[in-house]
Amino acid sequence: MGAQKTVSFRMDAGKVEALDELAAQTRRDRTFLLNEAVDAWLDLHSYQQRLVEAGMKAAEEGRFVDNTEMRKRLAGLKKAASKKRSPKA
Protein backbone atom coordinates (compact mmCIF):
# COMPACT_ATOMS: atom_id res chain seq x y z
CA MET A 1 0.00 0.00 0.00
CA GLY A 2 1.28 3.46 -0.86
CA ALA A 3 1.38 6.53 1.32
CA GLN A 4 -1.95 7.39 2.84
CA LYS A 5 -3.65 10.77 2.75
CA THR A 6 -6.71 11.93 4.65
CA VAL A 7 -9.67 12.99 2.51
CA SER A 8 -12.84 14.60 3.78
CA PHE A 9 -16.19 14.95 2.01
CA ARG A 10 -19.88 15.40 2.75
CA MET A 11 -22.32 12.51 2.53
CA ASP A 12 -26.04 12.17 3.09
CA ALA A 13 -26.71 11.22 6.72
CA GLY A 14 -28.74 8.18 5.67
CA LYS A 15 -25.81 6.84 3.68
CA VAL A 16 -23.50 7.31 6.65
CA GLU A 17 -25.93 5.38 8.85
CA ALA A 18 -26.17 2.57 6.28
CA LEU A 19 -22.39 2.51 6.01
CA ASP A 20 -22.02 2.31 9.77
CA GLU A 21 -24.55 -0.54 9.92
CA LEU A 22 -22.64 -2.44 7.26
CA ALA A 23 -19.38 -1.78 9.09
CA ALA A 24 -20.84 -3.23 12.28
CA GLN A 25 -22.26 -6.27 10.46
CA THR A 26 -18.97 -7.02 8.72
CA ARG A 27 -16.79 -6.07 11.70
CA ARG A 28 -14.91 -3.58 9.54
CA ASP A 29 -14.50 0.12 10.05
CA ARG A 30 -15.98 2.85 7.91
CA THR A 31 -12.58 3.67 6.37
CA PHE A 32 -12.10 0.09 5.19
CA LEU A 33 -15.52 0.05 3.50
CA LEU A 34 -14.99 3.43 1.87
CA ASN A 35 -11.60 2.33 0.54
CA GLU A 36 -13.17 -0.85 -0.86
CA ALA A 37 -15.89 1.21 -2.55
CA VAL A 38 -13.42 3.66 -4.07
CA ASP A 39 -11.22 0.79 -5.30
CA ALA A 40 -14.23 -0.86 -6.97
CA TRP A 41 -15.32 2.44 -8.54
CA LEU A 42 -11.84 3.15 -9.89
CA ASP A 43 -11.53 -0.39 -11.28
CA LEU A 44 -14.92 -0.16 -12.98
CA HIS A 45 -14.24 3.20 -14.57
CA SER A 46 -10.77 2.15 -15.67
CA TYR A 47 -12.33 -0.89 -17.36
CA GLN A 48 -15.01 1.25 -19.01
CA GLN A 49 -12.37 3.68 -20.27
CA ARG A 50 -10.41 0.83 -21.82
CA LEU A 51 -13.59 -0.36 -23.58
CA VAL A 52 -14.28 3.13 -24.91
CA GLU A 53 -10.71 3.47 -26.18
CA ALA A 54 -10.88 0.05 -27.86
CA GLY A 55 -14.19 1.01 -29.47
CA MET A 56 -12.80 4.31 -30.72
CA LYS A 57 -9.77 2.53 -32.18
CA ALA A 58 -12.01 -0.02 -33.89
CA ALA A 59 -14.15 2.77 -35.35
CA GLU A 60 -11.07 4.61 -36.61
CA GLU A 61 -10.00 1.37 -38.31
CA GLY A 62 -13.44 1.05 -39.90
CA ARG A 63 -14.45 -1.93 -37.75
CA PHE A 64 -18.02 -1.09 -36.77
CA VAL A 65 -21.60 -1.94 -37.68
CA ASP A 66 -23.39 0.60 -39.85
CA ASN A 67 -26.71 2.12 -38.81
CA THR A 68 -28.89 -0.08 -41.04
CA GLU A 69 -27.31 -3.30 -39.78
CA MET A 70 -27.55 -2.15 -36.17
CA ARG A 71 -31.27 -1.43 -36.56
CA LYS A 72 -31.77 -4.97 -37.93
CA ARG A 73 -29.86 -6.48 -35.01
CA LEU A 74 -31.76 -4.45 -32.43
CA ALA A 75 -35.09 -5.39 -34.01
CA GLY A 76 -34.11 -9.05 -33.79
CA LEU A 77 -33.15 -8.67 -30.13
CA LYS A 78 -36.41 -6.87 -29.37
CA LYS A 79 -38.42 -9.61 -31.08
CA ALA A 80 -36.56 -12.34 -29.19
CA ALA A 81 -37.08 -10.53 -25.87
CA SER A 82 -40.81 -10.12 -26.48
CA LYS A 83 -41.14 -13.85 -27.24
CA LYS A 84 -39.47 -14.66 -23.89
CA ARG A 85 -41.89 -12.39 -22.05
CA SER A 86 -45.10 -13.65 -23.65
CA PRO A 87 -46.82 -16.44 -21.68
CA LYS A 88 -46.91 -19.86 -23.26
CA ALA A 89 -50.32 -21.11 -24.35
C-alpha atoms as a PDB file:
ATOM      1  CA  MET A   1       0.000   0.000   0.000  1.00  0.00           C
ATOM      2  CA  GLY A   2       1.285   3.463  -0.856  1.00  0.00           C
ATOM      3  CA  ALA A   3       1.378   6.533   1.316  1.00  0.00           C
ATOM      4  CA  GLN A   4      -1.949   7.391   2.844  1.00  0.00           C
ATOM      5  CA  LYS A   5      -3.650  10.765   2.755  1.00  0.00           C
ATOM      6  CA  THR A   6      -6.711  11.928   4.651  1.00  0.00           C
ATOM      7  CA  VAL A   7      -9.671  12.991   2.511  1.00  0.00           C
ATOM      8  CA  SER A   8     -12.841  14.603   3.778  1.00  0.00           C
ATOM      9  CA  PHE A   9     -16.192  14.953   2.013  1.00  0.00           C
ATOM     10  CA  ARG A  10     -19.879  15.403   2.746  1.00  0.00           C
ATOM     11  CA  MET A  11     -22.320  12.515   2.534  1.00  0.00           C
ATOM     12  CA  ASP A  12     -26.042  12.173   3.090  1.00  0.00           C
ATOM     13  CA  ALA A  13     -26.712  11.224   6.723  1.00  0.00           C
ATOM     14  CA  GLY A  14     -28.744   8.177   5.672  1.00  0.00           C
ATOM     15  CA  LYS A  15     -25.814   6.845   3.681  1.00  0.00           C
ATOM     16  CA  VAL A  16     -23.498   7.306   6.645  1.00  0.00           C
ATOM     17  CA  GLU A  17     -25.931   5.377   8.850  1.00  0.00           C
ATOM     18  CA  ALA A  18     -26.172   2.570   6.285  1.00  0.00           C
ATOM     19  CA  LEU A  19     -22.389   2.511   6.006  1.00  0.00           C
ATOM     20  CA  ASP A  20     -22.015   2.308   9.768  1.00  0.00           C
ATOM     21  CA  GLU A  21     -24.552  -0.544   9.922  1.00  0.00           C
ATOM     22  CA  LEU A  22     -22.640  -2.442   7.258  1.00  0.00           C
ATOM     23  CA  ALA A  23     -19.380  -1.778   9.089  1.00  0.00           C
ATOM     24  CA  ALA A  24     -20.836  -3.227  12.276  1.00  0.00           C
ATOM     25  CA  GLN A  25     -22.255  -6.275  10.458  1.00  0.00           C
ATOM     26  CA  THR A  26     -18.969  -7.018   8.719  1.00  0.00           C
ATOM     27  CA  ARG A  27     -16.791  -6.069  11.699  1.00  0.00           C
ATOM     28  CA  ARG A  28     -14.911  -3.583   9.540  1.00  0.00           C
ATOM     29  CA  ASP A  29     -14.499   0.118  10.050  1.00  0.00           C
ATOM     30  CA  ARG A  30     -15.976   2.852   7.908  1.00  0.00           C
ATOM     31  CA  THR A  31     -12.584   3.666   6.366  1.00  0.00           C
ATOM     32  CA  PHE A  32     -12.104   0.092   5.192  1.00  0.00           C
ATOM     33  CA  LEU A  33     -15.519   0.047   3.503  1.00  0.00           C
ATOM     34  CA  LEU A  34     -14.988   3.432   1.871  1.00  0.00           C
ATOM     35  CA  ASN A  35     -11.596   2.325   0.538  1.00  0.00           C
ATOM     36  CA  GLU A  36     -13.175  -0.849  -0.856  1.00  0.00           C
ATOM     37  CA  ALA A  37     -15.895   1.209  -2.548  1.00  0.00           C
ATOM     38  CA  VAL A  38     -13.416   3.655  -4.067  1.00  0.00           C
ATOM     39  CA  ASP A  39     -11.217   0.791  -5.304  1.00  0.00           C
ATOM     40  CA  ALA A  40     -14.229  -0.859  -6.968  1.00  0.00           C
ATOM     41  CA  TRP A  41     -15.321   2.438  -8.542  1.00  0.00           C
ATOM     42  CA  LEU A  42     -11.840   3.151  -9.887  1.00  0.00           C
ATOM     43  CA  ASP A  43     -11.528  -0.386 -11.277  1.00  0.00           C
ATOM     44  CA  LEU A  44     -14.922  -0.158 -12.978  1.00  0.00           C
ATOM     45  CA  HIS A  45     -14.241   3.204 -14.573  1.00  0.00           C
ATOM     46  CA  SER A  46     -10.773   2.151 -15.674  1.00  0.00           C
ATOM     47  CA  TYR A  47     -12.330  -0.893 -17.357  1.00  0.00           C
ATOM     48  CA  GLN A  48     -15.005   1.251 -19.008  1.00  0.00           C
ATOM     49  CA  GLN A  49     -12.366   3.684 -20.268  1.00  0.00           C
ATOM     50  CA  ARG A  50     -10.406   0.826 -21.824  1.00  0.00           C
ATOM     51  CA  LEU A  51     -13.586  -0.362 -23.581  1.00  0.00           C
ATOM     52  CA  VAL A  52     -14.276   3.127 -24.910  1.00  0.00           C
ATOM     53  CA  GLU A  53     -10.705   3.469 -26.182  1.00  0.00           C
ATOM     54  CA  ALA A  54     -10.884   0.054 -27.858  1.00  0.00           C
ATOM     55  CA  GLY A  55     -14.187   1.012 -29.471  1.00  0.00           C
ATOM     56  CA  MET A  56     -12.800   4.309 -30.716  1.00  0.00           C
ATOM     57  CA  LYS A  57      -9.771   2.534 -32.177  1.00  0.00           C
ATOM     58  CA  ALA A  58     -12.009  -0.019 -33.888  1.00  0.00           C
ATOM     59  CA  ALA A  59     -14.151   2.774 -35.345  1.00  0.00           C
ATOM     60  CA  GLU A  60     -11.073   4.614 -36.606  1.00  0.00           C
ATOM     61  CA  GLU A  61     -10.000   1.375 -38.311  1.00  0.00           C
ATOM     62  CA  GLY A  62     -13.438   1.049 -39.896  1.00  0.00           C
ATOM     63  CA  ARG A  63     -14.452  -1.927 -37.750  1.00  0.00           C
ATOM     64  CA  PHE A  64     -18.016  -1.094 -36.772  1.00  0.00           C
ATOM     65  CA  VAL A  65     -21.596  -1.937 -37.682  1.00  0.00           C
ATOM     66  CA  ASP A  66     -23.387   0.598 -39.850  1.00  0.00           C
ATOM     67  CA  ASN A  67     -26.715   2.124 -38.807  1.00  0.00           C
ATOM     68  CA  THR A  68     -28.891  -0.077 -41.037  1.00  0.00           C
ATOM     69  CA  GLU A  69     -27.313  -3.304 -39.782  1.00  0.00           C
ATOM     70  CA  MET A  70     -27.549  -2.153 -36.171  1.00  0.00           C
ATOM     71  CA  ARG A  71     -31.273  -1.430 -36.562  1.00  0.00           C
ATOM     72  CA  LYS A  72     -31.775  -4.973 -37.926  1.00  0.00           C
ATOM     73  CA  ARG A  73     -29.855  -6.485 -35.010  1.00  0.00           C
ATOM     74  CA  LEU A  74     -31.764  -4.449 -32.433  1.00  0.00           C
ATOM     75  CA  ALA A  75     -35.094  -5.385 -34.011  1.00  0.00           C
ATOM     76  CA  GLY A  76     -34.108  -9.048 -33.788  1.00  0.00           C
ATOM     77  CA  LEU A  77     -33.154  -8.675 -30.133  1.00  0.00           C
ATOM     78  CA  LYS A  78     -36.408  -6.870 -29.375  1.00  0.00           C
ATOM     79  CA  LYS A  79     -38.418  -9.607 -31.082  1.00  0.00           C
ATOM     80  CA  ALA A  80     -36.564 -12.343 -29.190  1.00  0.00           C
ATOM     81  CA  ALA A  81     -37.077 -10.529 -25.872  1.00  0.00           C
ATOM     82  CA  SER A  82     -40.812 -10.119 -26.478  1.00  0.00           C
ATOM     83  CA  LYS A  83     -41.136 -13.850 -27.240  1.00  0.00           C
ATOM     84  CA  LYS A  84     -39.471 -14.656 -23.891  1.00  0.00           C
ATOM     85  CA  ARG A  85     -41.894 -12.385 -22.048  1.00  0.00           C
ATOM     86  CA  SER A  86     -45.098 -13.650 -23.653  1.00  0.00           C
ATOM     87  CA  PRO A  87     -46.816 -16.439 -21.683  1.00  0.00           C
ATOM     88  CA  LYS A  88     -46.907 -19.865 -23.264  1.00  0.00           C
ATOM     89  CA  ALA A  89     -50.317 -21.107 -24.351  1.00  0.00           C
END
